[in-house]
Amino acid sequence: MNNLITILGPTASGKTKLAVRLANELDGEIISADSRQVYRGMDIGTGKDLSEYTIDGKRIPYHLIDLLEAGERYNVFQFQNDFQTAFQSIKAKGKSAILCGGSGQYILSVLQDFRYTAVPVDDHLREELSKKSDEELVEIFNEYSTDFSKIAKIESHKRLIRAIEINKYLLENKDFNQSAFKQESILFGLDLPIEMRRARISERLNVRLESGLIEEVEGLLKAGLAPESLIYYGLEYKFTVDYLMDRYDFDTFVKLLEIAIHQYAKRQMTFFRKMEKDGLKINWIDGELPLDLQLKQIINILNSPAGG
């Protein structure tokens, strides 16, 4: 059996249910790859759906959920370290590890060489560089010659700034030697027709609203989280804060949030397709199939000579 099995997909694709069924079948445990589900007390807006981790009365163990208090910050480097701790713990038990989520950057960070995520943010430098054009940033980037320069992605203003930030740090810290790790995995992706994906997103948003999304955000604000801080935690929190601050009426709030989630799901799929273009094979599973057939397809691939 593979060291690591990864199940990815856009929001509302059903990946958690599939991962839980697979974990039950293989006697495995799940490692969440969701950048927001690490926060306690942020359940509805982040879509934890913890009830889904129980199947036939059996609780499937999960990791990297509810690690931090709301208001704290989490990043890719922390995720890499937490992933390794969870992964080694699962393997020590002789169980299968299943990485499941939709945060593509987090998934990619353990499947590829991401040693440079440990380089700290330089707020002063970022403020200075943010005033420059892409052309000026490229000129600055080209002044550096480091190992990172050879692999840096500089196709956007944000990435150019980060690339310069890393190069500057490496030159100033010659002893930097953040060990890289690259975890082999077989990847499965849930793919849905756009209209079905949109319908599921709309349905799930309605469920979250009925389940108390607005009340959850009100509680976080009463607990002392600043409105501008809550915006950091994603679309559901951003738009709900705006609604509670009377920037929208209820119908406009729901409509704008729904549109934003649709756009986010599209960006997720674009990221996954780029992962494929960059050399990571994703075995796509038809999200329209019944759960039993999705599971059967995965098991067949895992048991095949190429997959096992």
Protein backbone atom coordinates (compact mmCIF):
# COMPACT_ATOMS: atom_id res chain seq x y z
CA MET A 1 0.00 0.00 0.00
CA ASN A 2 1.16 3.55 -0.69
CA ASN A 3 2.85 5.56 2.03
CA LEU A 4 0.37 8.38 1.51
CA ILE A 5 -2.93 8.65 -0.30
CA THR A 6 -4.17 12.13 -1.20
CA ILE A 7 -7.78 13.04 -1.93
CA LEU A 8 -8.28 16.56 -3.24
CA GLY A 9 -11.05 18.54 -4.84
CA PRO A 10 -12.84 21.88 -4.85
CA THR A 11 -15.15 22.97 -2.08
CA ALA A 12 -18.39 20.97 -1.80
CA SER A 13 -17.07 18.13 -3.98
CA GLY A 14 -17.59 15.46 -1.30
CA LYS A 15 -13.91 14.73 -0.67
CA THR A 16 -14.27 14.38 3.12
CA LYS A 17 -17.00 11.76 2.83
CA LEU A 18 -14.91 9.83 0.34
CA ALA A 19 -11.77 10.07 2.47
CA VAL A 20 -13.68 8.80 5.51
CA ARG A 21 -15.04 5.83 3.56
CA LEU A 22 -11.55 5.06 2.28
CA ALA A 23 -10.05 5.35 5.77
CA ASN A 24 -12.70 2.95 7.07
CA GLU A 25 -11.92 0.50 4.27
CA LEU A 26 -8.14 0.63 4.80
CA ASP A 27 -8.07 1.09 8.59
CA GLY A 28 -6.53 4.49 8.01
CA GLU A 29 -6.45 7.95 9.53
CA ILE A 30 -7.06 11.31 7.88
CA ILE A 31 -4.75 14.31 7.79
CA SER A 32 -6.67 17.48 6.97
CA ALA A 33 -5.14 19.77 4.34
CA ASP A 34 -7.37 22.75 5.03
CA SER A 35 -5.80 26.08 5.90
CA ARG A 36 -8.75 27.15 8.05
CA GLN A 37 -9.92 24.05 9.87
CA VAL A 38 -6.95 24.28 12.22
CA TYR A 39 -8.88 26.89 14.24
CA ARG A 40 -11.06 26.00 17.22
CA GLY A 41 -14.47 27.63 17.40
CA MET A 42 -14.57 28.25 13.65
CA ASP A 43 -16.62 25.23 12.63
CA ILE A 44 -19.46 26.30 10.37
CA GLY A 45 -17.61 28.89 8.32
CA THR A 46 -14.71 26.53 7.67
CA GLY A 47 -16.96 23.58 6.85
CA LYS A 48 -15.43 21.12 9.30
CA ASP A 49 -18.47 18.83 9.18
CA LEU A 50 -16.98 16.73 11.97
CA SER A 51 -20.02 14.47 11.96
CA GLU A 52 -18.78 13.10 8.63
CA TYR A 53 -15.83 11.45 10.39
CA THR A 54 -18.15 8.84 11.91
CA ILE A 55 -19.18 5.89 9.76
CA ASP A 56 -21.31 2.97 10.93
CA GLY A 57 -20.81 4.16 14.50
CA LYS A 58 -17.02 4.14 14.13
CA ARG A 59 -15.06 7.34 14.63
CA ILE A 60 -12.34 7.77 12.00
CA PRO A 61 -9.27 9.45 13.54
CA TYR A 62 -8.31 12.80 12.03
CA HIS A 63 -5.38 15.17 12.42
CA LEU A 64 -4.66 18.92 11.98
CA ILE A 65 -8.13 20.09 12.91
CA ASP A 66 -8.70 22.38 15.92
CA LEU A 67 -5.02 23.04 16.56
CA LEU A 68 -5.14 26.78 17.31
CA GLU A 69 -7.40 29.37 18.86
CA ALA A 70 -9.32 31.66 16.55
CA GLY A 71 -7.29 34.80 16.07
CA GLU A 72 -3.94 33.04 15.73
CA ARG A 73 -2.10 32.68 12.43
CA TYR A 74 -1.03 29.51 10.63
CA ASN A 75 1.20 29.09 7.60
CA VAL A 76 2.55 26.55 5.14
CA PHE A 77 5.75 25.97 7.12
CA GLN A 78 3.78 25.12 10.26
CA PHE A 79 1.58 22.82 8.20
CA GLN A 80 4.62 20.98 6.82
CA ASN A 81 5.89 20.29 10.33
CA ASP A 82 2.47 19.32 11.68
CA PHE A 83 1.91 17.06 8.68
CA GLN A 84 5.17 15.23 9.30
CA THR A 85 4.31 14.69 12.98
CA ALA A 86 0.86 13.32 12.10
CA PHE A 87 2.15 11.23 9.20
CA GLN A 88 4.90 9.58 11.24
CA SER A 89 2.43 8.88 14.05
CA ILE A 90 0.03 7.15 11.65
CA LYS A 91 2.77 5.12 9.99
CA ALA A 92 4.13 4.04 13.40
CA LYS A 93 0.74 2.42 14.03
CA GLY A 94 0.98 0.57 10.72
CA LYS A 95 -2.04 2.42 9.36
CA SER A 96 -2.74 4.16 6.07
CA ALA A 97 -2.41 7.95 5.99
CA ILE A 98 -4.94 9.85 3.88
CA LEU A 99 -4.31 13.51 3.16
CA CYS A 100 -7.61 15.22 2.37
CA GLY A 101 -8.39 18.81 1.54
CA GLY A 102 -8.81 21.62 -0.90
CA SER A 103 -5.95 23.93 0.08
CA GLY A 104 -3.74 23.27 -2.91
CA GLN A 105 -0.71 25.12 -1.55
CA TYR A 106 -0.78 23.00 1.60
CA ILE A 107 -1.05 19.77 -0.36
CA LEU A 108 1.71 20.83 -2.71
CA SER A 109 3.96 21.78 0.19
CA VAL A 110 4.34 18.15 1.28
CA LEU A 111 4.48 16.67 -2.22
CA GLN A 112 7.21 18.94 -3.55
CA ASP A 113 10.42 20.51 -2.31
CA PHE A 114 9.25 23.53 -0.29
CA ARG A 115 12.30 24.14 1.88
CA TYR A 116 12.09 27.91 1.54
CA THR A 117 8.75 28.29 3.33
CA ALA A 118 10.74 28.72 6.55
CA VAL A 119 12.13 32.06 5.40
CA PRO A 120 10.42 34.69 7.58
CA VAL A 121 8.36 37.60 6.31
CA ASP A 122 10.12 40.98 6.13
CA ASP A 123 7.29 43.51 6.51
CA HIS A 124 9.54 46.53 5.96
CA LEU A 125 10.94 45.09 2.74
CA ARG A 126 7.49 44.11 1.51
CA GLU A 127 6.16 47.60 2.10
CA GLU A 128 9.08 49.05 0.15
CA LEU A 129 8.73 46.59 -2.75
CA SER A 130 4.95 46.89 -2.97
CA LYS A 131 5.37 50.39 -4.41
CA LYS A 132 7.41 49.12 -7.36
CA SER A 133 6.18 47.90 -10.74
CA ASP A 134 6.58 44.32 -11.96
CA GLU A 135 9.35 45.46 -14.30
CA GLU A 136 11.28 47.06 -11.43
CA LEU A 137 10.82 43.96 -9.29
CA VAL A 138 12.14 41.70 -12.07
CA GLU A 139 15.25 43.87 -12.29
CA ILE A 140 15.81 43.56 -8.53
CA PHE A 141 15.18 39.80 -8.64
CA ASN A 142 17.74 39.39 -11.44
CA GLU A 143 20.40 41.00 -9.26
CA TYR A 144 20.36 37.92 -7.04
CA SER A 145 21.99 34.58 -7.75
CA THR A 146 21.04 31.86 -5.26
CA ASP A 147 19.86 28.27 -5.43
CA PHE A 148 16.34 29.57 -4.93
CA SER A 149 16.61 31.86 -7.97
CA LYS A 150 16.69 28.78 -10.21
CA ILE A 151 13.30 27.50 -9.01
CA ALA A 152 11.48 30.70 -8.01
CA LYS A 153 8.06 31.35 -9.51
CA ILE A 154 7.80 35.04 -10.40
CA GLU A 155 4.68 35.24 -12.56
CA SER A 156 2.88 37.72 -10.29
CA HIS A 157 3.65 40.85 -8.28
CA LYS A 158 3.12 38.99 -5.02
CA ARG A 159 5.45 36.13 -5.99
CA LEU A 160 8.12 38.54 -7.20
CA ILE A 161 8.14 40.23 -3.82
CA ARG A 162 8.35 36.90 -2.01
CA ALA A 163 11.18 35.72 -4.30
CA ILE A 164 13.20 38.87 -3.58
CA GLU A 165 12.46 38.50 0.13
CA ILE A 166 13.77 34.93 0.15
CA ASN A 167 16.87 35.76 -1.88
CA LYS A 168 17.73 38.69 0.38
CA TYR A 169 17.34 36.49 3.46
CA LEU A 170 19.53 33.73 1.98
CA LEU A 171 22.33 36.16 1.24
CA GLU A 172 22.15 37.61 4.74
CA ASN A 173 21.92 34.19 6.42
CA LYS A 174 24.55 31.98 4.83
CA ASP A 175 24.01 29.26 7.44
CA PHE A 176 20.35 28.80 6.45
CA ASN A 177 19.77 25.09 5.81
CA GLN A 178 16.09 24.34 6.14
CA SER A 179 15.84 20.67 5.25
CA ALA A 180 13.45 19.88 2.47
CA PHE A 181 11.20 16.88 2.37
CA LYS A 182 9.15 15.49 -0.43
CA GLN A 183 6.51 12.90 0.37
CA GLU A 184 5.55 10.42 -2.33
CA SER A 185 1.80 9.99 -2.72
CA ILE A 186 -0.82 8.68 -5.06
CA LEU A 187 -3.34 11.42 -5.78
CA PHE A 188 -7.08 11.20 -6.39
CA GLY A 189 -9.18 14.19 -7.37
CA LEU A 190 -12.94 14.62 -7.34
CA ASP A 191 -14.19 16.25 -10.51
CA LEU A 192 -17.70 17.58 -10.99
CA PRO A 193 -19.46 19.25 -13.91
CA ILE A 194 -19.56 22.98 -13.28
CA GLU A 195 -23.33 23.15 -12.89
CA MET A 196 -23.37 20.35 -10.33
CA ARG A 197 -20.50 21.95 -8.44
CA ARG A 198 -22.36 25.25 -8.38
CA ALA A 199 -25.56 23.57 -7.18
CA ARG A 200 -23.73 21.82 -4.35
CA ILE A 201 -22.02 25.04 -3.29
CA SER A 202 -25.35 26.87 -3.18
CA GLU A 203 -26.99 24.06 -1.24
CA ARG A 204 -24.15 23.88 1.27
CA LEU A 205 -24.16 27.63 1.80
CA ASN A 206 -27.86 27.47 2.65
CA VAL A 207 -27.16 24.68 5.14
CA ARG A 208 -24.39 26.70 6.77
CA LEU A 209 -26.63 29.72 7.12
CA GLU A 210 -29.39 27.57 8.64
CA SER A 211 -26.83 25.92 10.94
CA GLY A 212 -25.75 29.24 12.45
CA LEU A 213 -22.97 30.77 10.35
CA ILE A 214 -24.04 34.30 11.27
CA GLU A 215 -24.32 33.38 14.95
CA GLU A 216 -20.86 31.80 14.86
CA VAL A 217 -19.35 35.02 13.52
CA GLU A 218 -21.27 37.10 16.07
CA GLY A 219 -19.83 34.89 18.82
CA LEU A 220 -16.28 35.34 17.55
CA LEU A 221 -16.72 39.13 17.47
CA LYS A 222 -18.13 39.09 21.01
CA ALA A 223 -15.14 37.00 22.09
CA GLY A 224 -12.88 39.88 21.09
CA LEU A 225 -11.79 39.12 17.53
CA ALA A 226 -11.56 42.31 15.51
CA PRO A 227 -13.65 42.47 12.31
CA GLU A 228 -10.54 43.12 10.21
CA SER A 229 -8.89 40.08 11.80
CA LEU A 230 -11.82 37.80 10.98
CA ILE A 231 -11.58 38.71 7.30
CA TYR A 232 -8.24 36.82 7.22
CA TYR A 233 -10.07 33.52 7.77
CA GLY A 234 -11.88 33.31 4.47
CA LEU A 235 -14.88 34.29 2.41
CA GLU A 236 -17.60 33.16 4.80
CA TYR A 237 -16.16 35.30 7.59
CA LYS A 238 -15.38 38.28 5.38
CA PHE A 239 -18.87 38.57 3.93
CA THR A 240 -20.63 37.76 7.21
CA VAL A 241 -18.66 40.50 8.96
CA ASP A 242 -19.66 42.92 6.19
CA TYR A 243 -23.30 41.91 6.64
CA LEU A 244 -23.16 42.35 10.42
CA MET A 245 -21.65 45.79 9.90
CA ASP A 246 -24.66 46.69 7.73
CA ARG A 247 -22.69 46.94 4.51
CA TYR A 248 -25.20 44.65 2.76
CA ASP A 249 -28.76 43.59 3.30
CA PHE A 250 -29.27 39.86 3.84
CA ASP A 251 -30.17 38.93 0.25
CA THR A 252 -27.20 40.85 -1.17
CA PHE A 253 -24.89 39.26 1.42
CA VAL A 254 -25.95 35.75 0.44
CA LYS A 255 -25.73 36.47 -3.29
CA LEU A 256 -22.25 38.01 -3.09
CA LEU A 257 -20.93 35.25 -0.83
CA GLU A 258 -22.32 32.59 -3.14
CA ILE A 259 -20.64 34.19 -6.17
CA ALA A 260 -17.34 34.48 -4.30
CA ILE A 261 -17.39 30.78 -3.30
CA HIS A 262 -18.09 29.77 -6.91
CA GLN A 263 -15.08 31.82 -7.99
CA TYR A 264 -12.95 30.25 -5.26
CA ALA A 265 -13.88 26.72 -6.39
CA LYS A 266 -12.86 27.65 -9.92
CA ARG A 267 -9.48 28.86 -8.65
CA GLN A 268 -9.04 25.60 -6.75
CA MET A 269 -9.57 23.58 -9.92
CA THR A 270 -7.16 25.84 -11.81
CA PHE A 271 -4.54 25.18 -9.13
CA PHE A 272 -5.06 21.41 -9.31
CA ARG A 273 -4.79 21.43 -13.11
CA LYS A 274 -1.54 23.35 -12.80
CA MET A 275 -0.26 20.71 -10.38
CA GLU A 276 -0.83 18.20 -13.18
CA LYS A 277 0.97 20.37 -15.72
CA ASP A 278 3.89 20.56 -13.30
CA GLY A 279 4.20 16.78 -13.25
CA LEU A 280 1.94 15.49 -10.45
CA LYS A 281 -0.43 12.81 -11.70
CA ILE A 282 -3.98 13.10 -10.37
CA ASN A 283 -6.34 10.17 -10.81
CA TRP A 284 -9.65 11.94 -11.40
CA ILE A 285 -12.79 10.36 -9.99
CA ASP A 286 -16.21 11.27 -11.38
CA GLY A 287 -17.90 13.21 -8.59
CA GLU A 288 -21.33 12.38 -10.02
CA LEU A 289 -20.86 8.69 -9.24
CA PRO A 290 -22.40 7.21 -6.08
CA LEU A 291 -19.97 7.12 -3.16
CA ASP A 292 -19.66 3.32 -3.33
CA LEU A 293 -18.51 3.48 -6.95
CA GLN A 294 -16.06 6.28 -6.22
CA LEU A 295 -14.57 4.16 -3.46
CA LYS A 296 -14.44 1.10 -5.70
CA GLN A 297 -12.52 3.01 -8.37
CA ILE A 298 -9.94 4.15 -5.83
CA ILE A 299 -9.50 0.67 -4.37
CA ASN A 300 -9.06 -0.80 -7.85
CA ILE A 301 -6.35 1.73 -8.66
CA LEU A 302 -4.61 1.18 -5.32
CA ASN A 303 -4.63 -2.58 -5.89
CA SER A 304 -3.32 -2.32 -9.43
CA PRO A 305 0.41 -2.89 -10.10
CA ALA A 306 0.88 0.80 -10.90
CA GLY A 307 -1.00 2.06 -7.86
CA GLY A 308 -0.13 -0.33 -5.06
